[in-house]
Each structure stands twice: as C-alpha cells, then as structure tokens.
Amino acid sequence: MRIFILGTGRMGAWLTEELCWEHEVCVHDAELERMKYFIKVRRILDVAEVEDFAPELFINCIPLGTTVEVFERLLPLLPANCMLSDIASVKTGLADFYRRSGHPFVSTHPMFGPTFGNIRDLSDESAVIISESDEAGKEFFRSFYSRLGIKIFESDFEGHDATVAYSLATPFASTMVFAACMKHQAAPGTNFKRHMIIAKGLLSEDDRLLAEVMFNPYTIRQLELINSKLSYLTHIIAQRDFEEMKKFLDSLRENIKEKP
C-alpha cells in the first residue's frame, strides 16, 4: 500500500519506521531535518509533491489542534479514494469533518507514547480504533496493532473522548499540580524521584498536545471530581480524623484493586 505520513514527531516517526518495511511510505515534515535518518522511505521537501505519490492511505500525525485544518488543506492533493487517518488523542471535531470529506477514513489512538511506552515491547500497551471508521481501515490497523502485540479496543468518537478525559487528563492534571508545587529536595525519597521522572517525561511532550488533551470537553468533569476529592482530603487532614482517613484510604485501595 502507498502510505503518506505527515508529521514525523515521536508518533509519526514510530509509524514511519514500522510501516515502511511492508508498505511504500512517503513522509513530509515542515522541519526537514527530522526526516534525514529514515531509510526505505520516500522523503518529500514540499507537501505538494504528495499529489504525484498518489497515496492510498494518508495518516495525519500533525500535532493536535490543527488536524482538521491540515486535512482540509491537503484534500485537493489527494486521490478521491485515498483513505484518511488520524492518531489524535482527542477526536473533537473529527467526526463532522470525516462525514463531509467524501473520503473513506479510519481514526485510531495508540494509547501510549514513546516517552513512557517501550516501543520495543508493546505487549502491555493498548490502542483504540474508532467504531465509525470504514471496515477496510479498521482491518488495516487491527492487523498492524496485532502484529506488534498491542491490545485493541473499539469505541465511538464520543466514548473515546470521555475515556481520554479519565485516562489521560486525570494523570496529566495530577502531574501538572505536582510540578506546579515543586520544591527541589536535597535528599529526595523514592516516591519523589518517581514522580519527578513522570513530570519530566510529561513536560517533554509537545505543548499543543498537552493543551488539547486538557481542553477535551470532558476534562472539566474530571477536574471537578479531583477538586472534590482534594477538598474532602483537606477536611480530613484539618480535622486529624484517623477513622475518616482510614475509610478514605480503604476506598482508594478498592478503587485501584485489580478487577476479575
């Protein structure tokens, strides 16, 4: 298959390196030096050259917030039957765009990132395929993710964004608060050092990606829940209420317990 990948940041580069061995892959990135180390890949310096490549699949890996804008700019350069694809962490606005695009599409979300995911062993990682996608596109990504041992889940656009607010925005918010209250320790403990590693990894991500995950319409509900639980914990601490603290800790253990 002829595949065009636009954007060779962390996820775009990962997709390029994985797909180029079984497919004819063409890439473009506005930062041209990002493309210089790829092998077995066609690199174009001007995005207009994609018209000559005539891709069968276009995977848009541009940072969140400009996904739809980039799709609309490139549509005139793509064959009418070219399948459109995105790996966006937040799908807001994409369902409407795909409906009016006139192209087949497949939307997925690898639920890991190269900052924390071990890309040499993805057997503990997951990916979501959007259920409204075209069957041919879903089958392509099912096969791709399965080959890498990635667990596959299916969700509609709305359900995906609700899940992302819980699975990404909640830990992101917690880590941001940790970093906002940072006071460097001369003799940091183990827990502090682990949180510091997570914070540094998170804050090495693209600012637009972090912002768009937090701007997910469902994130506010999660932040309200965090504020509610934090207020409850603050009250327990202020009252030095051991019995209430024990109930709270027991509820936390129940929350994180492995479900059968």
C-alpha atoms as a PDB file:
ATOM      1  CA  MET A   1       0.000   0.000   0.000  1.00  0.00           C
ATOM      2  CA  ARG A   2       1.172   3.570  -0.683  1.00  0.00           C
ATOM      3  CA  ILE A   3       1.051   5.433   2.636  1.00  0.00           C
ATOM      4  CA  PHE A   4       1.696   9.130   3.173  1.00  0.00           C
ATOM      5  CA  ILE A   5       2.611  10.181   6.732  1.00  0.00           C
ATOM      6  CA  LEU A   6       2.550  13.890   7.514  1.00  0.00           C
ATOM      7  CA  GLY A   7       4.448  14.891  10.655  1.00  0.00           C
ATOM      8  CA  THR A   8       7.444  12.932  11.925  1.00  0.00           C
ATOM      9  CA  GLY A   9       7.413  13.751  15.591  1.00  0.00           C
ATOM     10  CA  ARG A  10       7.560  10.880  18.044  1.00  0.00           C
ATOM     11  CA  MET A  11       4.454   9.009  16.912  1.00  0.00           C
ATOM     12  CA  GLY A  12       4.824   9.914  13.255  1.00  0.00           C
ATOM     13  CA  ALA A  13       8.422   8.661  13.241  1.00  0.00           C
ATOM     14  CA  TRP A  14       7.372   5.447  15.011  1.00  0.00           C
ATOM     15  CA  LEU A  15       4.649   4.759  12.430  1.00  0.00           C
ATOM     16  CA  THR A  16       7.048   5.532   9.582  1.00  0.00           C
ATOM     17  CA  GLU A  17       9.683   3.123  10.882  1.00  0.00           C
ATOM     18  CA  GLU A  18       7.152   0.329  11.500  1.00  0.00           C
ATOM     19  CA  LEU A  19       5.183   0.625   8.263  1.00  0.00           C
ATOM     20  CA  CYS A  20       7.990   1.191   5.772  1.00  0.00           C
ATOM     21  CA  TRP A  21       9.066  -2.481   5.784  1.00  0.00           C
ATOM     22  CA  GLU A  22       5.782  -3.760   4.400  1.00  0.00           C
ATOM     23  CA  HIS A  23       4.479  -0.710   2.519  1.00  0.00           C
ATOM     24  CA  GLU A  24       5.629   2.097   0.239  1.00  0.00           C
ATOM     25  CA  VAL A  25       5.867   5.024   2.640  1.00  0.00           C
ATOM     26  CA  CYS A  26       6.270   8.713   1.834  1.00  0.00           C
ATOM     27  CA  VAL A  27       6.815  11.318   4.572  1.00  0.00           C
ATOM     28  CA  HIS A  28       6.905  15.072   4.948  1.00  0.00           C
ATOM     29  CA  ASP A  29       7.673  17.291   7.898  1.00  0.00           C
ATOM     30  CA  ALA A  30       7.942  21.083   7.950  1.00  0.00           C
ATOM     31  CA  GLU A  31      11.138  20.608   9.996  1.00  0.00           C
ATOM     32  CA  LEU A  32      13.106  18.965   7.211  1.00  0.00           C
ATOM     33  CA  GLU A  33      15.981  17.732   9.398  1.00  0.00           C
ATOM     34  CA  ARG A  34      13.577  15.379  11.174  1.00  0.00           C
ATOM     35  CA  MET A  35      13.414  13.219   8.049  1.00  0.00           C
ATOM     36  CA  LYS A  36      17.117  12.750   7.408  1.00  0.00           C
ATOM     37  CA  TYR A  37      17.612   9.457   9.264  1.00  0.00           C
ATOM     38  CA  PHE A  38      14.748   7.463   7.721  1.00  0.00           C
ATOM     39  CA  ILE A  39      15.637   4.543   5.469  1.00  0.00           C
ATOM     40  CA  LYS A  40      13.457   2.772   2.895  1.00  0.00           C
ATOM     41  CA  VAL A  41      11.220   5.860   2.881  1.00  0.00           C
ATOM     42  CA  ARG A  42      10.478   8.493   0.255  1.00  0.00           C
ATOM     43  CA  ARG A  43      11.011  11.976   1.687  1.00  0.00           C
ATOM     44  CA  ILE A  44       9.369  14.988   0.056  1.00  0.00           C
ATOM     45  CA  LEU A  45      10.535  18.534   0.723  1.00  0.00           C
ATOM     46  CA  ASP A  46       7.310  20.186  -0.418  1.00  0.00           C
ATOM     47  CA  VAL A  47       3.968  18.775   0.679  1.00  0.00           C
ATOM     48  CA  ALA A  48       2.556  19.499  -2.803  1.00  0.00           C
ATOM     49  CA  GLU A  49       4.659  16.577  -4.082  1.00  0.00           C
ATOM     50  CA  VAL A  50       2.203  14.190  -2.435  1.00  0.00           C
ATOM     51  CA  GLU A  51      -0.032  14.626  -5.472  1.00  0.00           C
ATOM     52  CA  ASP A  52       2.495  12.697  -7.596  1.00  0.00           C
ATOM     53  CA  PHE A  53       2.815   9.994  -4.931  1.00  0.00           C
ATOM     54  CA  ALA A  54      -0.991   9.408  -5.042  1.00  0.00           C
ATOM     55  CA  PRO A  55      -1.319   7.735  -1.600  1.00  0.00           C
ATOM     56  CA  GLU A  56      -3.920   5.126  -0.825  1.00  0.00           C
ATOM     57  CA  LEU A  57      -3.735   5.979   2.895  1.00  0.00           C
ATOM     58  CA  PHE A  58      -2.899   9.354   4.440  1.00  0.00           C
ATOM     59  CA  ILE A  59      -2.008   9.285   8.157  1.00  0.00           C
ATOM     60  CA  ASN A  60      -2.141  12.763   9.664  1.00  0.00           C
ATOM     61  CA  CYS A  61       0.344  12.951  12.568  1.00  0.00           C
ATOM     62  CA  ILE A  62       0.373  16.736  12.857  1.00  0.00           C
ATOM     63  CA  PRO A  63       0.034  17.987  16.469  1.00  0.00           C
ATOM     64  CA  LEU A  64      -3.441  18.253  17.936  1.00  0.00           C
ATOM     65  CA  GLY A  65      -5.395  21.408  17.300  1.00  0.00           C
ATOM     66  CA  THR A  66      -4.521  21.632  13.600  1.00  0.00           C
ATOM     67  CA  THR A  67      -5.577  18.138  12.487  1.00  0.00           C
ATOM     68  CA  VAL A  68      -8.754  19.184  10.647  1.00  0.00           C
ATOM     69  CA  GLU A  69      -7.122  22.307   9.197  1.00  0.00           C
ATOM     70  CA  VAL A  70      -4.294  20.208   7.710  1.00  0.00           C
ATOM     71  CA  PHE A  71      -6.717  17.634   6.314  1.00  0.00           C
ATOM     72  CA  GLU A  72      -8.701  20.371   4.565  1.00  0.00           C
ATOM     73  CA  ARG A  73      -5.543  21.924   3.111  1.00  0.00           C
ATOM     74  CA  LEU A  74      -4.372  18.611   1.648  1.00  0.00           C
ATOM     75  CA  LEU A  75      -7.670  17.239   0.328  1.00  0.00           C
ATOM     76  CA  PRO A  76      -7.212  18.811  -3.136  1.00  0.00           C
ATOM     77  CA  LEU A  77      -3.868  16.957  -3.479  1.00  0.00           C
ATOM     78  CA  LEU A  78      -5.227  13.504  -2.646  1.00  0.00           C
ATOM     79  CA  PRO A  79      -6.891  10.892  -4.865  1.00  0.00           C
ATOM     80  CA  ALA A  80     -10.649  10.663  -4.393  1.00  0.00           C
ATOM     81  CA  ASN A  81     -10.367   7.150  -2.941  1.00  0.00           C
ATOM     82  CA  CYS A  82      -7.493   7.930  -0.546  1.00  0.00           C
ATOM     83  CA  MET A  83      -8.347   6.818   2.966  1.00  0.00           C
ATOM     84  CA  LEU A  84      -7.835   9.494   5.628  1.00  0.00           C
ATOM     85  CA  SER A  85      -6.481   8.568   9.046  1.00  0.00           C
ATOM     86  CA  ASP A  86      -5.541  10.276  12.283  1.00  0.00           C
ATOM     87  CA  ILE A  87      -3.996   9.180  15.583  1.00  0.00           C
ATOM     88  CA  ALA A  88      -5.264  12.162  17.579  1.00  0.00           C
ATOM     89  CA  SER A  89      -5.562  11.813  21.352  1.00  0.00           C
ATOM     90  CA  VAL A  90      -8.740  13.924  21.299  1.00  0.00           C
ATOM     91  CA  LYS A  91     -11.243  13.421  18.485  1.00  0.00           C
ATOM     92  CA  THR A  92     -13.321  16.598  18.908  1.00  0.00           C
ATOM     93  CA  GLY A  93     -14.479  17.866  15.506  1.00  0.00           C
ATOM     94  CA  LEU A  94     -13.134  14.899  13.541  1.00  0.00           C
ATOM     95  CA  ALA A  95     -16.436  13.046  13.178  1.00  0.00           C
ATOM     96  CA  ASP A  96     -18.038  16.046  11.453  1.00  0.00           C
ATOM     97  CA  PHE A  97     -15.006  16.564   9.235  1.00  0.00           C
ATOM     98  CA  TYR A  98     -14.870  12.951   8.086  1.00  0.00           C
ATOM     99  CA  ARG A  99     -18.606  12.951   7.293  1.00  0.00           C
ATOM    100  CA  ARG A 100     -18.260  15.916   4.948  1.00  0.00           C
ATOM    101  CA  SER A 101     -14.867  14.968   3.461  1.00  0.00           C
ATOM    102  CA  GLY A 102     -16.225  12.439   0.983  1.00  0.00           C
ATOM    103  CA  HIS A 103     -13.249  10.149   1.715  1.00  0.00           C
ATOM    104  CA  PRO A 104     -13.145   6.804   3.492  1.00  0.00           C
ATOM    105  CA  PHE A 105     -11.481   7.163   6.898  1.00  0.00           C
ATOM    106  CA  VAL A 106     -10.065   5.321   9.872  1.00  0.00           C
ATOM    107  CA  SER A 107      -9.418   7.007  13.193  1.00  0.00           C
ATOM    108  CA  THR A 108      -7.276   5.326  15.849  1.00  0.00           C
ATOM    109  CA  HIS A 109      -5.424   6.264  19.014  1.00  0.00           C
ATOM    110  CA  PRO A 110      -2.320   4.409  20.202  1.00  0.00           C
ATOM    111  CA  MET A 111      -2.782   4.740  23.969  1.00  0.00           C
ATOM    112  CA  PHE A 112       0.916   5.113  24.656  1.00  0.00           C
ATOM    113  CA  GLY A 113       3.712   7.469  23.765  1.00  0.00           C
ATOM    114  CA  PRO A 114       7.411   6.983  23.146  1.00  0.00           C
ATOM    115  CA  THR A 115       8.173   8.985  26.305  1.00  0.00           C
ATOM    116  CA  PHE A 116       6.780   6.239  28.547  1.00  0.00           C
ATOM    117  CA  GLY A 117       5.965   3.330  26.244  1.00  0.00           C
ATOM    118  CA  ASN A 118       8.596   0.706  25.485  1.00  0.00           C
ATOM    119  CA  ILE A 119       8.354   0.697  21.697  1.00  0.00           C
ATOM    120  CA  ARG A 120      10.480  -2.476  21.555  1.00  0.00           C
ATOM    121  CA  ASP A 121       7.841  -4.373  23.524  1.00  0.00           C
ATOM    122  CA  LEU A 122       4.277  -3.072  23.240  1.00  0.00           C
ATOM    123  CA  SER A 123       2.562  -6.172  24.602  1.00  0.00           C
ATOM    124  CA  ASP A 124       1.338  -4.254  27.662  1.00  0.00           C
ATOM    125  CA  GLU A 125       0.050  -1.314  25.594  1.00  0.00           C
ATOM    126  CA  SER A 126      -3.365  -0.603  24.107  1.00  0.00           C
ATOM    127  CA  ALA A 127      -4.827   1.143  21.082  1.00  0.00           C
ATOM    128  CA  VAL A 128      -8.343   2.315  20.318  1.00  0.00           C
ATOM    129  CA  ILE A 129      -9.954   2.020  16.890  1.00  0.00           C
ATOM    130  CA  ILE A 130     -12.970   4.271  16.345  1.00  0.00           C
ATOM    131  CA  SER A 131     -16.009   2.156  15.523  1.00  0.00           C
ATOM    132  CA  GLU A 132     -17.446   4.581  12.929  1.00  0.00           C
ATOM    133  CA  SER A 133     -14.336   4.048  10.752  1.00  0.00           C
ATOM    134  CA  ASP A 134     -14.518   2.226   7.415  1.00  0.00           C
ATOM    135  CA  GLU A 135     -14.119  -1.545   7.700  1.00  0.00           C
ATOM    136  CA  ALA A 136     -11.094  -1.686   5.401  1.00  0.00           C
ATOM    137  CA  GLY A 137      -9.309   0.907   7.536  1.00  0.00           C
ATOM    138  CA  LYS A 138     -10.222  -0.857  10.765  1.00  0.00           C
ATOM    139  CA  GLU A 139      -8.888  -4.134   9.389  1.00  0.00           C
ATOM    140  CA  PHE A 140      -5.617  -2.476   8.348  1.00  0.00           C
ATOM    141  CA  PHE A 141      -4.968  -1.130  11.841  1.00  0.00           C
ATOM    142  CA  ARG A 142      -6.208  -4.275  13.574  1.00  0.00           C
ATOM    143  CA  SER A 143      -3.597  -6.217  11.622  1.00  0.00           C
ATOM    144  CA  PHE A 144      -0.891  -3.611  12.296  1.00  0.00           C
ATOM    145  CA  TYR A 145      -1.519  -3.345  16.039  1.00  0.00           C
ATOM    146  CA  SER A 146      -1.958  -7.112  16.425  1.00  0.00           C
ATOM    147  CA  ARG A 147       1.401  -7.771  14.762  1.00  0.00           C
ATOM    148  CA  LEU A 148       3.027  -5.638  17.476  1.00  0.00           C
ATOM    149  CA  GLY A 149       1.139  -7.363  20.292  1.00  0.00           C
ATOM    150  CA  ILE A 150      -0.888  -4.254  21.125  1.00  0.00           C
ATOM    151  CA  LYS A 151      -4.265  -4.823  22.791  1.00  0.00           C
ATOM    152  CA  ILE A 152      -7.063  -3.429  20.634  1.00  0.00           C
ATOM    153  CA  PHE A 153     -10.257  -1.769  21.857  1.00  0.00           C
ATOM    154  CA  GLU A 154     -13.087  -0.229  19.871  1.00  0.00           C
ATOM    155  CA  SER A 155     -15.065   2.880  20.793  1.00  0.00           C
ATOM    156  CA  ASP A 156     -17.139   5.530  19.095  1.00  0.00           C
ATOM    157  CA  PHE A 157     -15.847   9.100  18.816  1.00  0.00           C
ATOM    158  CA  GLU A 158     -17.733  10.411  21.856  1.00  0.00           C
ATOM    159  CA  GLY A 159     -16.915   7.438  24.078  1.00  0.00           C
ATOM    160  CA  HIS A 160     -13.241   7.741  23.170  1.00  0.00           C
ATOM    161  CA  ASP A 161     -13.006  11.363  24.303  1.00  0.00           C
ATOM    162  CA  ALA A 162     -14.827  10.588  27.554  1.00  0.00           C
ATOM    163  CA  THR A 163     -12.319   7.801  28.240  1.00  0.00           C
ATOM    164  CA  VAL A 164      -9.345  10.016  27.382  1.00  0.00           C
ATOM    165  CA  ALA A 165     -10.517  12.612  29.914  1.00  0.00           C
ATOM    166  CA  TYR A 166     -10.245   9.902  32.572  1.00  0.00           C
ATOM    167  CA  SER A 167      -7.182   8.010  31.359  1.00  0.00           C
ATOM    168  CA  LEU A 168      -5.032  10.940  30.190  1.00  0.00           C
ATOM    169  CA  ALA A 169      -6.346  14.235  31.546  1.00  0.00           C
ATOM    170  CA  THR A 170      -6.615  12.975  35.134  1.00  0.00           C
ATOM    171  CA  PRO A 171      -2.978  11.796  35.459  1.00  0.00           C
ATOM    172  CA  PHE A 172      -1.814  14.792  33.395  1.00  0.00           C
ATOM    173  CA  ALA A 173      -3.557  17.172  35.798  1.00  0.00           C
ATOM    174  CA  SER A 174      -2.110  15.405  38.831  1.00  0.00           C
ATOM    175  CA  THR A 175       1.399  15.598  37.379  1.00  0.00           C
ATOM    176  CA  MET A 176       0.978  19.264  36.459  1.00  0.00           C
ATOM    177  CA  VAL A 177      -0.073  20.074  40.026  1.00  0.00           C
ATOM    178  CA  PHE A 178       2.967  18.188  41.342  1.00  0.00           C
ATOM    179  CA  ALA A 179       5.240  20.209  39.041  1.00  0.00           C
ATOM    180  CA  ALA A 180       3.463  23.466  39.942  1.00  0.00           C
ATOM    181  CA  CYS A 181       4.176  22.865  43.644  1.00  0.00           C
ATOM    182  CA  MET A 182       7.753  21.731  43.007  1.00  0.00           C
ATOM    183  CA  LYS A 183      10.341  22.293  45.668  1.00  0.00           C
ATOM    184  CA  HIS A 184      13.632  20.594  44.847  1.00  0.00           C
ATOM    185  CA  GLN A 185      14.822  18.211  47.511  1.00  0.00           C
ATOM    186  CA  ALA A 186      18.445  17.886  48.625  1.00  0.00           C
ATOM    187  CA  ALA A 187      17.735  14.287  49.632  1.00  0.00           C
ATOM    188  CA  PRO A 188      14.706  13.172  47.560  1.00  0.00           C
ATOM    189  CA  GLY A 189      12.904   9.977  48.527  1.00  0.00           C
ATOM    190  CA  THR A 190      11.970   7.183  46.144  1.00  0.00           C
ATOM    191  CA  ASN A 191       8.385   8.340  45.585  1.00  0.00           C
ATOM    192  CA  PHE A 192       9.531  11.909  44.925  1.00  0.00           C
ATOM    193  CA  LYS A 193      12.073  10.725  42.344  1.00  0.00           C
ATOM    194  CA  ARG A 194       9.489   8.571  40.568  1.00  0.00           C
ATOM    195  CA  HIS A 195       7.061  11.465  40.366  1.00  0.00           C
ATOM    196  CA  MET A 196       9.860  13.687  39.094  1.00  0.00           C
ATOM    197  CA  ILE A 197      10.607  11.228  36.259  1.00  0.00           C
ATOM    198  CA  ILE A 198       6.934  11.208  35.283  1.00  0.00           C
ATOM    199  CA  ALA A 199       6.757  15.019  35.397  1.00  0.00           C
ATOM    200  CA  LYS A 200       9.853  15.450  33.234  1.00  0.00           C
ATOM    201  CA  GLY A 201       8.531  12.926  30.724  1.00  0.00           C
ATOM    202  CA  LEU A 202       5.133  14.589  30.524  1.00  0.00           C
ATOM    203  CA  LEU A 203       6.569  18.079  30.147  1.00  0.00           C
ATOM    204  CA  SER A 204       8.859  16.928  27.335  1.00  0.00           C
ATOM    205  CA  GLU A 205       5.744  16.369  25.218  1.00  0.00           C
ATOM    206  CA  ASP A 206       4.546  18.919  22.670  1.00  0.00           C
ATOM    207  CA  ASP A 207       2.763  21.868  24.318  1.00  0.00           C
ATOM    208  CA  ARG A 208      -0.124  21.694  21.859  1.00  0.00           C
ATOM    209  CA  LEU A 209      -0.686  18.004  22.589  1.00  0.00           C
ATOM    210  CA  LEU A 210      -0.791  18.653  26.339  1.00  0.00           C
ATOM    211  CA  ALA A 211      -3.100  21.627  25.893  1.00  0.00           C
ATOM    212  CA  GLU A 212      -5.521  19.803  23.609  1.00  0.00           C
ATOM    213  CA  VAL A 213      -5.751  16.803  25.946  1.00  0.00           C
ATOM    214  CA  MET A 214      -6.626  19.191  28.766  1.00  0.00           C
ATOM    215  CA  PHE A 215      -9.050  21.145  26.515  1.00  0.00           C
ATOM    216  CA  ASN A 216     -11.032  17.968  25.828  1.00  0.00           C
ATOM    217  CA  PRO A 217     -14.670  18.921  26.613  1.00  0.00           C
ATOM    218  CA  TYR A 218     -14.885  16.039  29.102  1.00  0.00           C
ATOM    219  CA  THR A 219     -11.824  17.123  31.108  1.00  0.00           C
ATOM    220  CA  ILE A 220     -13.689  19.693  33.202  1.00  0.00           C
ATOM    221  CA  ARG A 221     -15.804  16.954  34.802  1.00  0.00           C
ATOM    222  CA  GLN A 222     -12.657  15.093  35.817  1.00  0.00           C
ATOM    223  CA  LEU A 223     -11.068  18.230  37.266  1.00  0.00           C
ATOM    224  CA  GLU A 224     -14.236  18.911  39.260  1.00  0.00           C
ATOM    225  CA  LEU A 225     -14.031  15.374  40.650  1.00  0.00           C
ATOM    226  CA  ILE A 226     -10.350  15.888  41.546  1.00  0.00           C
ATOM    227  CA  ASN A 227     -11.201  19.162  43.308  1.00  0.00           C
ATOM    228  CA  SER A 228     -14.000  17.458  45.216  1.00  0.00           C
ATOM    229  CA  LYS A 229     -11.768  14.617  46.434  1.00  0.00           C
ATOM    230  CA  LEU A 230      -8.963  17.037  47.305  1.00  0.00           C
ATOM    231  CA  SER A 231     -11.366  19.145  49.356  1.00  0.00           C
ATOM    232  CA  TYR A 232     -12.511  16.022  51.178  1.00  0.00           C
ATOM    233  CA  LEU A 233      -8.909  15.011  51.915  1.00  0.00           C
ATOM    234  CA  THR A 234      -8.100  18.549  53.083  1.00  0.00           C
ATOM    235  CA  HIS A 235     -11.043  18.395  55.506  1.00  0.00           C
ATOM    236  CA  ILE A 236      -9.881  15.033  56.907  1.00  0.00           C
ATOM    237  CA  ILE A 237      -6.354  16.350  57.445  1.00  0.00           C
ATOM    238  CA  ALA A 238      -7.565  19.589  59.036  1.00  0.00           C
ATOM    239  CA  GLN A 239      -9.695  17.573  61.500  1.00  0.00           C
ATOM    240  CA  ARG A 240      -6.940  14.982  62.082  1.00  0.00           C
ATOM    241  CA  ASP A 241      -9.714  12.399  61.796  1.00  0.00           C
ATOM    242  CA  PHE A 242      -7.983   8.998  61.723  1.00  0.00           C
ATOM    243  CA  GLU A 243     -11.198   6.983  61.309  1.00  0.00           C
ATOM    244  CA  GLU A 244     -12.261   9.067  58.316  1.00  0.00           C
ATOM    245  CA  MET A 245      -8.750   8.821  56.868  1.00  0.00           C
ATOM    246  CA  LYS A 246      -8.868   5.048  57.184  1.00  0.00           C
ATOM    247  CA  LYS A 247     -12.217   4.939  55.350  1.00  0.00           C
ATOM    248  CA  PHE A 248     -10.759   7.171  52.643  1.00  0.00           C
ATOM    249  CA  LEU A 249      -7.627   5.024  52.232  1.00  0.00           C
ATOM    250  CA  ASP A 250      -9.725   1.837  52.131  1.00  0.00           C
ATOM    251  CA  SER A 251     -11.842   3.363  49.354  1.00  0.00           C
ATOM    252  CA  LEU A 252      -8.666   4.181  47.402  1.00  0.00           C
ATOM    253  CA  ARG A 253      -7.393   0.611  47.761  1.00  0.00           C
ATOM    254  CA  GLU A 254     -10.727  -0.648  46.479  1.00  0.00           C
ATOM    255  CA  ASN A 255     -10.555   1.753  43.511  1.00  0.00           C
ATOM    256  CA  ILE A 256      -7.141   0.529  42.359  1.00  0.00           C
ATOM    257  CA  LYS A 257      -7.718  -3.165  43.074  1.00  0.00           C
ATOM    258  CA  GLU A 258      -7.404  -5.434  40.056  1.00  0.00           C
ATOM    259  CA  LYS A 259     -10.846  -6.390  38.791  1.00  0.00           C
ATOM    260  CA  PRO A 260     -11.521 -10.061  37.907  1.00  0.00           C
END
